[in-house]
Amino acid sequence: MKKLLRTLAQVPARIARAAGAEAARIVRTPATLLLLVALPLLYPMLISWLYSADSPVERPALVVDQDHTAASRELALALDASAGVRLARFDATLDEARAALVAGEVELVVLLPDGYGAALARGERATVRAWSDGANMLTYSVGVGALGDTVMALGRVHGEAAWAKTLPHERAAARAEPIAVDVRIVNAPARGYGDFLVPAVFMIILQQLVLLGMSFSASATRERGGELPRRLSGWIGFALPHAVVQGLGIVALAFTATRFGWPLRDLLPWATLAAAYAAALLPLGALLASVARDRASTIAGLMFTSVPSLMLSGYVWPRDQMPAALALLGDVLPSTPALAGLHEVAYGGDVASLTPALTHLATLSAVFFAALLLRLLFERLRDRRAALPPSAVVAVGRP
């Protein structure tokens, strides 16, 4: 009992020594220090600057007007006046428009065929044809969406005018548009790309700050012939300076979000989620650091975890459309509950609404902590076996 108490009394000192040693390693290693500073400071600013426009607007388009009537000019001008489309030319031929689409000079081609205006004048349905470059899903949705909105608005106007010849205005409007739709786009990449993407990228940056920082420092220590912790208390101490760096990273990300106006204006729920996310990543980072051998393989392995963490979380692709094995893999990634909680924050949720995400993160943290403990126990058993004389090893191996 006394031995156990004496051992427990030594734990705080071991943690403090390990924390001091790791802090000194970080300061003395310029590459590690640059990584820990650049990730939370420079990268978020660059991403925010890149997506500062939030939504793409005025995508280049061409109208091929084969009708040359007042009605066709009306549609072309209305389309050009929309926020989503900018007409490069009004007088292009169909062959010129198709060539421009193939060359990537425009993203949308609209054809107003001969007879378009006459059909409207007779009260018949007129047809508009369009071609769109679908290579970029975002700009495709903006251009085609602008065309759909413009055609719907003009169709309603022409329908009301036709019915108004025989009906009162209110009844004419009801006949022209018997069902009105009021759509509010929230948290959608098609209409607010920066608001949708950048906060998620911030969470992935926080993940890489933990995983890359800890593994990079550990692999640099091994390359120099240094010793890494052999006890759990040592790894806890190793993680403490990185926890401080994560805290500073959360502050830096919050400052960047406020500076650029991303939807993290209520910082308390986001800070709570980010802190829980970082806490769940600490034991995973220590586990990965314990197996990191050199900086090259560490960078090669962990640099490619960012995009899969985002894709498997269900944030940008529905999880029910993933193969079952990949969806199951997503459940064990901390990014999945973190980005689910981020979705709540984007909708104005408070800390209480984050309970499912925080519970999931706490569970994963316990699992990673247990895995780290098992690895340390395995390493200790292997070291004890290696320390035995050959005769003892043979004797132990006999039935």
Protein backbone atom coordinates (compact mmCIF):
# COMPACT_ATOMS: atom_id res chain seq x y z
CA MET A 1 0.00 0.00 0.00
CA LYS A 2 2.83 2.39 0.89
CA LYS A 3 4.54 1.61 -2.39
CA LEU A 4 1.34 2.39 -4.29
CA LEU A 5 0.91 5.69 -2.47
CA ARG A 6 4.54 6.56 -3.11
CA THR A 7 4.09 5.80 -6.79
CA LEU A 8 0.96 7.93 -7.01
CA ALA A 9 2.71 10.78 -5.28
CA GLN A 10 5.38 10.73 -8.00
CA VAL A 11 2.84 11.03 -10.85
CA PRO A 12 2.45 14.87 -10.76
CA ALA A 13 6.22 15.29 -10.83
CA ARG A 14 6.53 12.91 -13.78
CA ILE A 15 3.80 14.76 -15.65
CA ALA A 16 5.48 18.09 -14.97
CA ARG A 17 8.88 16.80 -16.13
CA ALA A 18 7.42 15.35 -19.32
CA ALA A 19 5.48 18.56 -20.03
CA GLY A 20 8.60 20.67 -19.53
CA ALA A 21 10.67 18.40 -21.76
CA GLU A 22 8.08 18.51 -24.55
CA ALA A 23 7.68 22.28 -24.30
CA ALA A 24 11.46 22.64 -24.59
CA ARG A 25 11.51 20.31 -27.62
CA ILE A 26 8.82 22.37 -29.34
CA VAL A 27 10.70 25.62 -28.75
CA ARG A 28 14.03 24.13 -29.87
CA THR A 29 12.59 22.59 -33.06
CA PRO A 30 11.85 25.36 -35.60
CA ALA A 31 9.95 23.03 -37.95
CA THR A 32 7.58 21.89 -35.21
CA LEU A 33 7.13 25.43 -33.92
CA LEU A 34 6.39 26.71 -37.44
CA LEU A 35 3.82 23.95 -37.95
CA LEU A 36 2.06 24.74 -34.67
CA VAL A 37 1.98 28.47 -35.45
CA ALA A 38 1.17 28.37 -39.18
CA LEU A 39 -1.74 25.94 -38.94
CA PRO A 40 -3.99 27.97 -36.59
CA LEU A 41 -2.85 31.44 -37.74
CA LEU A 42 -1.82 31.58 -41.40
CA TYR A 43 -3.91 28.78 -42.92
CA PRO A 44 -7.29 29.98 -41.56
CA MET A 45 -6.57 33.52 -42.73
CA LEU A 46 -5.71 32.23 -46.21
CA ILE A 47 -8.86 30.10 -46.40
CA SER A 48 -11.02 32.97 -45.14
CA TRP A 49 -9.51 35.37 -47.65
CA LEU A 50 -10.05 32.85 -50.46
CA TYR A 51 -13.77 32.40 -49.63
CA SER A 52 -14.40 35.94 -48.38
CA ALA A 53 -16.96 36.51 -51.18
CA ASP A 54 -18.98 33.71 -49.49
CA SER A 55 -21.13 32.96 -52.58
CA PRO A 56 -20.12 32.93 -56.25
CA VAL A 57 -22.07 35.49 -58.27
CA GLU A 58 -22.33 36.71 -61.85
CA ARG A 59 -21.18 33.49 -63.48
CA PRO A 60 -20.35 34.03 -67.20
CA ALA A 61 -23.11 33.05 -69.61
CA LEU A 62 -24.21 33.51 -73.23
CA VAL A 63 -27.71 33.96 -74.66
CA VAL A 64 -28.34 32.78 -78.20
CA ASP A 65 -31.34 34.84 -79.32
CA GLN A 66 -32.84 33.32 -82.46
CA ASP A 67 -36.20 35.01 -81.88
CA HIS A 68 -35.20 38.70 -81.79
CA THR A 69 -38.44 39.87 -80.20
CA ALA A 70 -39.25 42.10 -77.26
CA ALA A 71 -40.07 38.99 -75.21
CA SER A 72 -36.69 37.36 -75.89
CA ARG A 73 -34.83 40.59 -75.09
CA GLU A 74 -36.85 40.85 -71.87
CA LEU A 75 -35.70 37.43 -70.71
CA ALA A 76 -32.07 38.08 -71.67
CA LEU A 77 -32.00 41.39 -69.79
CA ALA A 78 -33.74 39.87 -66.76
CA LEU A 79 -31.19 37.04 -66.69
CA ASP A 80 -28.31 39.50 -66.91
CA ALA A 81 -29.84 41.52 -64.06
CA SER A 82 -29.91 38.49 -61.76
CA ALA A 83 -27.18 38.09 -59.15
CA GLY A 84 -26.12 34.68 -60.40
CA VAL A 85 -25.41 35.34 -64.09
CA ARG A 86 -23.46 37.87 -66.14
CA LEU A 87 -24.06 37.76 -69.89
CA ALA A 88 -20.83 38.01 -71.84
CA ARG A 89 -22.63 38.55 -75.18
CA PHE A 90 -26.20 38.94 -76.42
CA ASP A 91 -25.52 38.27 -80.10
CA ALA A 92 -23.60 34.96 -80.12
CA THR A 93 -24.50 32.19 -82.54
CA LEU A 94 -25.21 28.69 -81.25
CA ASP A 95 -21.89 27.37 -82.59
CA GLU A 96 -19.98 30.22 -80.94
CA ALA A 97 -21.78 29.65 -77.65
CA ARG A 98 -21.06 25.92 -77.65
CA ALA A 99 -17.39 26.56 -78.42
CA ALA A 100 -17.19 29.06 -75.56
CA LEU A 101 -18.78 26.49 -73.20
CA VAL A 102 -16.30 23.80 -74.22
CA ALA A 103 -13.38 26.21 -73.83
CA GLY A 104 -14.51 27.13 -70.31
CA GLU A 105 -15.07 30.79 -71.22
CA VAL A 106 -18.71 30.58 -70.08
CA GLU A 107 -20.56 28.21 -67.76
CA LEU A 108 -24.10 28.56 -69.13
CA VAL A 109 -25.59 28.85 -72.62
CA VAL A 110 -29.26 29.80 -73.02
CA LEU A 111 -31.06 29.35 -76.34
CA LEU A 112 -34.20 31.37 -77.09
CA PRO A 113 -35.53 29.67 -80.22
CA ASP A 114 -37.41 31.28 -83.07
CA GLY A 115 -41.09 31.52 -82.14
CA TYR A 116 -40.49 32.06 -78.42
CA GLY A 117 -42.22 35.47 -78.36
CA ALA A 118 -45.05 34.36 -80.63
CA ALA A 119 -45.86 31.41 -78.39
CA LEU A 120 -46.09 33.71 -75.38
CA ALA A 121 -48.33 36.11 -77.29
CA ARG A 122 -50.72 33.26 -78.18
CA GLY A 123 -50.83 32.14 -74.54
CA GLU A 124 -48.99 28.93 -75.35
CA ARG A 125 -46.05 27.40 -73.50
CA ALA A 126 -42.71 28.70 -74.76
CA THR A 127 -39.54 26.64 -74.46
CA VAL A 128 -36.11 27.82 -73.38
CA ARG A 129 -33.14 25.49 -73.85
CA ALA A 130 -29.93 25.64 -71.87
CA TRP A 131 -26.54 23.96 -71.62
CA SER A 132 -24.46 24.17 -68.45
CA ASP A 133 -20.97 23.05 -67.50
CA GLY A 134 -21.49 20.56 -64.69
CA ALA A 135 -17.79 20.09 -63.88
CA ASN A 136 -18.05 22.55 -60.99
CA MET A 137 -21.14 21.66 -58.97
CA LEU A 138 -21.15 25.00 -57.19
CA THR A 139 -21.08 27.28 -60.23
CA TYR A 140 -23.44 24.93 -62.04
CA SER A 141 -26.03 25.36 -59.31
CA VAL A 142 -25.61 29.15 -59.32
CA GLY A 143 -26.03 29.61 -63.08
CA VAL A 144 -28.84 27.12 -63.56
CA GLY A 145 -30.54 28.38 -60.41
CA ALA A 146 -30.46 31.96 -61.72
CA LEU A 147 -31.99 30.81 -65.01
CA GLY A 148 -34.74 28.90 -63.20
CA ASP A 149 -35.56 31.86 -60.96
CA THR A 150 -35.66 34.24 -63.93
CA VAL A 151 -37.88 32.00 -66.07
CA MET A 152 -40.23 31.37 -63.14
CA ALA A 153 -40.58 35.09 -62.40
CA LEU A 154 -41.22 36.05 -66.04
CA GLY A 155 -43.61 33.14 -66.49
CA ARG A 156 -45.64 34.37 -63.55
CA VAL A 157 -45.74 37.90 -64.99
CA HIS A 158 -46.90 36.71 -68.43
CA GLY A 159 -49.44 34.34 -66.88
CA GLU A 160 -50.94 37.10 -64.76
CA ALA A 161 -51.16 39.40 -67.78
CA ALA A 162 -53.00 36.76 -69.82
CA TRP A 163 -55.52 35.92 -67.08
CA ALA A 164 -56.03 39.59 -66.20
CA LYS A 165 -57.82 40.05 -69.52
CA THR A 166 -60.82 38.13 -68.16
CA LEU A 167 -60.35 37.99 -64.36
CA PRO A 168 -59.72 40.42 -61.50
CA HIS A 169 -56.08 40.91 -60.60
CA GLU A 170 -56.05 38.70 -57.48
CA ARG A 171 -57.76 35.82 -59.26
CA ALA A 172 -55.48 36.28 -62.28
CA ALA A 173 -52.43 36.01 -60.00
CA ALA A 174 -53.85 32.86 -58.37
CA ARG A 175 -54.47 31.27 -61.80
CA ALA A 176 -50.96 32.16 -63.01
CA GLU A 177 -49.37 30.77 -59.82
CA PRO A 178 -51.85 28.53 -58.01
CA ILE A 179 -49.19 27.37 -55.52
CA ALA A 180 -46.60 29.84 -54.25
CA VAL A 181 -43.40 28.56 -52.70
CA ASP A 182 -41.32 30.39 -50.12
CA VAL A 183 -37.87 28.78 -49.92
CA ARG A 184 -35.33 29.86 -47.28
CA ILE A 185 -31.85 28.54 -47.97
CA VAL A 186 -29.86 27.94 -44.77
CA ASN A 187 -26.43 26.36 -44.31
CA ALA A 188 -26.30 25.38 -47.97
CA PRO A 189 -23.17 25.39 -50.15
CA ALA A 190 -25.18 26.41 -53.24
CA ARG A 191 -26.11 29.83 -51.83
CA GLY A 192 -23.56 30.53 -49.06
CA TYR A 193 -20.43 28.55 -49.83
CA GLY A 194 -18.07 30.31 -47.44
CA ASP A 195 -20.51 30.12 -44.52
CA PHE A 196 -20.93 26.40 -45.20
CA LEU A 197 -17.34 25.32 -45.85
CA VAL A 198 -14.98 27.53 -43.86
CA PRO A 199 -16.18 26.65 -40.31
CA ALA A 200 -15.80 22.95 -41.18
CA VAL A 201 -12.29 23.59 -42.49
CA PHE A 202 -11.51 25.32 -39.19
CA MET A 203 -12.43 22.15 -37.30
CA ILE A 204 -10.21 20.05 -39.58
CA ILE A 205 -7.38 22.55 -39.02
CA LEU A 206 -7.79 22.02 -35.27
CA GLN A 207 -7.60 18.26 -35.84
CA GLN A 208 -4.41 18.51 -37.87
CA LEU A 209 -2.92 20.86 -35.29
CA VAL A 210 -3.28 18.08 -32.71
CA LEU A 211 -2.36 15.03 -34.76
CA LEU A 212 0.42 16.53 -36.87
CA GLY A 213 1.87 18.57 -34.00
CA MET A 214 2.20 15.66 -31.59
CA SER A 215 3.38 13.11 -34.16
CA PHE A 216 5.79 15.56 -35.77
CA SER A 217 7.39 16.38 -32.42
CA ALA A 218 7.67 12.71 -31.45
CA SER A 219 9.20 11.68 -34.77
CA ALA A 220 11.71 14.57 -34.61
CA THR A 221 12.71 13.39 -31.12
CA ARG A 222 13.26 9.83 -32.39
CA GLU A 223 15.32 11.09 -35.34
CA ARG A 224 17.65 12.86 -32.91
CA GLY A 225 17.97 9.72 -30.79
CA GLY A 226 15.89 11.11 -27.95
CA GLU A 227 13.64 9.14 -25.64
CA LEU A 228 9.87 9.33 -25.67
CA PRO A 229 7.70 8.63 -22.62
CA ARG A 230 7.31 5.00 -21.53
CA ARG A 231 4.58 5.59 -18.95
CA LEU A 232 1.06 6.94 -19.18
CA SER A 233 1.99 9.86 -16.94
CA GLY A 234 4.77 10.75 -19.37
CA TRP A 235 2.38 10.86 -22.32
CA ILE A 236 -0.05 12.98 -20.34
CA GLY A 237 2.78 15.41 -19.70
CA PHE A 238 3.79 15.19 -23.37
CA ALA A 239 0.25 16.19 -24.36
CA LEU A 240 -0.01 19.19 -22.02
CA PRO A 241 2.02 21.69 -24.13
CA HIS A 242 0.01 20.61 -27.17
CA ALA A 243 -3.19 21.22 -25.21
CA VAL A 244 -1.98 24.76 -24.59
CA VAL A 245 -1.24 25.16 -28.30
CA GLN A 246 -4.74 23.87 -29.09
CA GLY A 247 -6.23 26.44 -26.74
CA LEU A 248 -4.32 29.19 -28.51
CA GLY A 249 -5.45 27.71 -31.82
CA ILE A 250 -9.10 27.86 -30.74
CA VAL A 251 -8.64 31.53 -29.83
CA ALA A 252 -6.96 32.22 -33.20
CA LEU A 253 -9.74 30.46 -35.12
CA ALA A 254 -12.40 32.35 -33.16
CA PHE A 255 -10.66 35.64 -33.96
CA THR A 256 -10.50 34.77 -37.67
CA ALA A 257 -14.16 33.72 -37.71
CA THR A 258 -15.18 36.99 -36.07
CA ARG A 259 -12.94 39.03 -38.35
CA PHE A 260 -14.42 37.56 -41.54
CA GLY A 261 -17.98 37.18 -40.24
CA TRP A 262 -18.31 33.41 -40.52
CA PRO A 263 -21.35 31.89 -38.75
CA LEU A 264 -19.61 31.37 -35.42
CA ARG A 265 -20.80 34.63 -33.94
CA ASP A 266 -22.07 32.95 -30.77
CA LEU A 267 -18.63 31.85 -29.67
CA LEU A 268 -19.55 29.98 -26.48
CA PRO A 269 -21.14 26.91 -28.17
CA TRP A 270 -18.39 26.82 -30.77
CA ALA A 271 -15.62 27.16 -28.19
CA THR A 272 -17.22 24.39 -26.11
CA LEU A 273 -17.41 22.11 -29.14
CA ALA A 274 -13.85 22.94 -30.23
CA ALA A 275 -12.47 22.28 -26.74
CA ALA A 276 -14.28 18.92 -26.54
CA TYR A 277 -13.01 18.05 -30.01
CA ALA A 278 -9.42 18.89 -29.05
CA ALA A 279 -9.75 16.90 -25.81
CA ALA A 280 -10.95 13.86 -27.78
CA LEU A 281 -8.03 14.23 -30.17
CA LEU A 282 -5.34 14.38 -27.45
CA PRO A 283 -5.26 10.64 -26.63
CA LEU A 284 -5.49 9.83 -30.35
CA GLY A 285 -2.59 12.19 -31.01
CA ALA A 286 -0.54 10.55 -28.25
CA LEU A 287 -1.34 7.10 -29.66
CA LEU A 288 -0.21 8.12 -33.15
CA ALA A 289 2.85 9.88 -31.75
CA SER A 290 3.87 6.70 -29.93
CA VAL A 291 4.21 4.89 -33.26
CA ALA A 292 5.64 7.79 -35.33
CA ARG A 293 9.12 6.93 -36.58
CA ASP A 294 10.29 9.86 -38.71
CA ARG A 295 8.98 13.20 -39.87
CA ALA A 296 8.74 12.25 -43.57
CA SER A 297 6.44 9.27 -42.97
CA THR A 298 4.46 11.26 -40.40
CA ILE A 299 3.76 14.06 -42.85
CA ALA A 300 3.03 11.59 -45.65
CA GLY A 301 0.58 9.66 -43.51
CA LEU A 302 -1.26 12.39 -41.63
CA MET A 303 -1.45 15.08 -44.31
CA PHE A 304 -3.94 12.87 -46.15
CA THR A 305 -6.29 12.50 -43.20
CA SER A 306 -7.85 15.94 -43.56
CA VAL A 307 -10.07 15.47 -46.62
CA PRO A 308 -11.24 11.93 -45.65
CA SER A 309 -12.12 13.26 -42.18
CA LEU A 310 -14.32 15.88 -43.81
CA MET A 311 -15.89 13.57 -46.38
CA LEU A 312 -16.61 10.65 -44.01
CA SER A 313 -18.21 12.92 -41.43
CA GLY A 314 -21.39 13.36 -43.48
CA TYR A 315 -20.94 17.12 -43.57
CA VAL A 316 -20.51 17.38 -47.35
CA TRP A 317 -21.89 14.00 -48.43
CA PRO A 318 -24.87 12.11 -46.92
CA ARG A 319 -23.78 9.17 -44.79
CA ASP A 320 -26.68 7.01 -45.95
CA GLN A 321 -25.21 7.17 -49.47
CA MET A 322 -21.82 5.85 -48.34
CA PRO A 323 -20.80 2.18 -48.37
CA ALA A 324 -21.60 0.67 -44.98
CA ALA A 325 -17.92 0.05 -44.15
CA LEU A 326 -16.99 3.68 -44.78
CA ALA A 327 -19.97 4.95 -42.77
CA LEU A 328 -18.83 2.74 -39.89
CA LEU A 329 -15.30 4.14 -40.21
CA GLY A 330 -16.80 7.62 -40.03
CA ASP A 331 -18.35 6.78 -36.66
CA VAL A 332 -14.91 6.30 -35.08
CA LEU A 333 -13.50 9.57 -36.43
CA PRO A 334 -13.74 12.52 -34.02
CA SER A 335 -14.54 14.79 -36.97
CA THR A 336 -17.97 13.14 -37.35
CA PRO A 337 -19.51 14.29 -34.03
CA ALA A 338 -17.52 17.54 -34.17
CA LEU A 339 -18.98 18.52 -37.55
CA ALA A 340 -22.42 17.32 -36.51
CA GLY A 341 -22.16 19.70 -33.58
CA LEU A 342 -20.94 22.42 -35.92
CA HIS A 343 -24.16 21.99 -37.88
CA GLU A 344 -26.07 22.72 -34.67
CA VAL A 345 -23.94 25.81 -34.06
CA ALA A 346 -24.64 27.05 -37.59
CA TYR A 347 -28.37 26.84 -36.87
CA GLY A 348 -27.96 28.92 -33.71
CA GLY A 349 -27.91 26.05 -31.23
CA ASP A 350 -26.75 26.54 -27.66
CA VAL A 351 -24.44 24.39 -25.54
CA ALA A 352 -27.34 22.10 -24.51
CA SER A 353 -28.04 21.25 -28.16
CA LEU A 354 -24.47 19.92 -28.44
CA THR A 355 -25.10 17.11 -25.93
CA PRO A 356 -25.17 14.27 -28.53
CA ALA A 357 -21.96 15.50 -30.16
CA LEU A 358 -20.21 16.02 -26.82
CA THR A 359 -21.27 12.55 -25.64
CA HIS A 360 -19.94 10.98 -28.84
CA LEU A 361 -16.64 12.85 -28.46
CA ALA A 362 -16.33 11.77 -24.81
CA THR A 363 -16.87 8.13 -25.84
CA LEU A 364 -14.22 8.33 -28.55
CA SER A 365 -11.83 10.00 -26.12
CA ALA A 366 -12.25 7.09 -23.69
CA VAL A 367 -11.68 4.57 -26.50
CA PHE A 368 -8.49 6.32 -27.67
CA PHE A 369 -7.25 6.59 -24.08
CA ALA A 370 -7.81 2.85 -23.57
CA ALA A 371 -5.99 2.08 -26.83
CA LEU A 372 -3.03 4.19 -25.71
CA LEU A 373 -2.96 2.40 -22.35
CA LEU A 374 -3.03 -1.01 -24.07
CA ARG A 375 -0.17 -0.01 -26.34
CA LEU A 376 1.93 1.10 -23.37
CA LEU A 377 1.20 -2.17 -21.55
CA PHE A 378 2.18 -4.12 -24.67
CA GLU A 379 5.43 -2.14 -24.95
CA ARG A 380 6.24 -2.81 -21.29
CA LEU A 381 5.62 -6.55 -21.64
CA ARG A 382 7.79 -6.64 -24.77
CA ASP A 383 10.60 -4.79 -23.00
CA ARG A 384 10.43 -7.17 -20.04
CA ARG A 385 10.56 -10.17 -22.35
CA ALA A 386 13.54 -8.68 -24.21
CA ALA A 387 15.34 -8.14 -20.89
CA LEU A 388 15.07 -11.80 -19.89
CA PRO A 389 18.08 -14.11 -20.55
CA PRO A 390 17.60 -16.51 -23.46
CA SER A 391 17.21 -19.52 -21.17
CA ALA A 392 14.38 -17.81 -19.27
CA VAL A 393 12.61 -16.94 -22.51
CA VAL A 394 12.78 -20.59 -23.63
CA ALA A 395 11.51 -21.72 -20.25
CA VAL A 396 8.62 -19.29 -20.36
CA GLY A 397 7.71 -20.44 -23.86
CA ARG A 398 7.43 -24.14 -22.87
CA PRO A 399 4.00 -25.60 -22.10
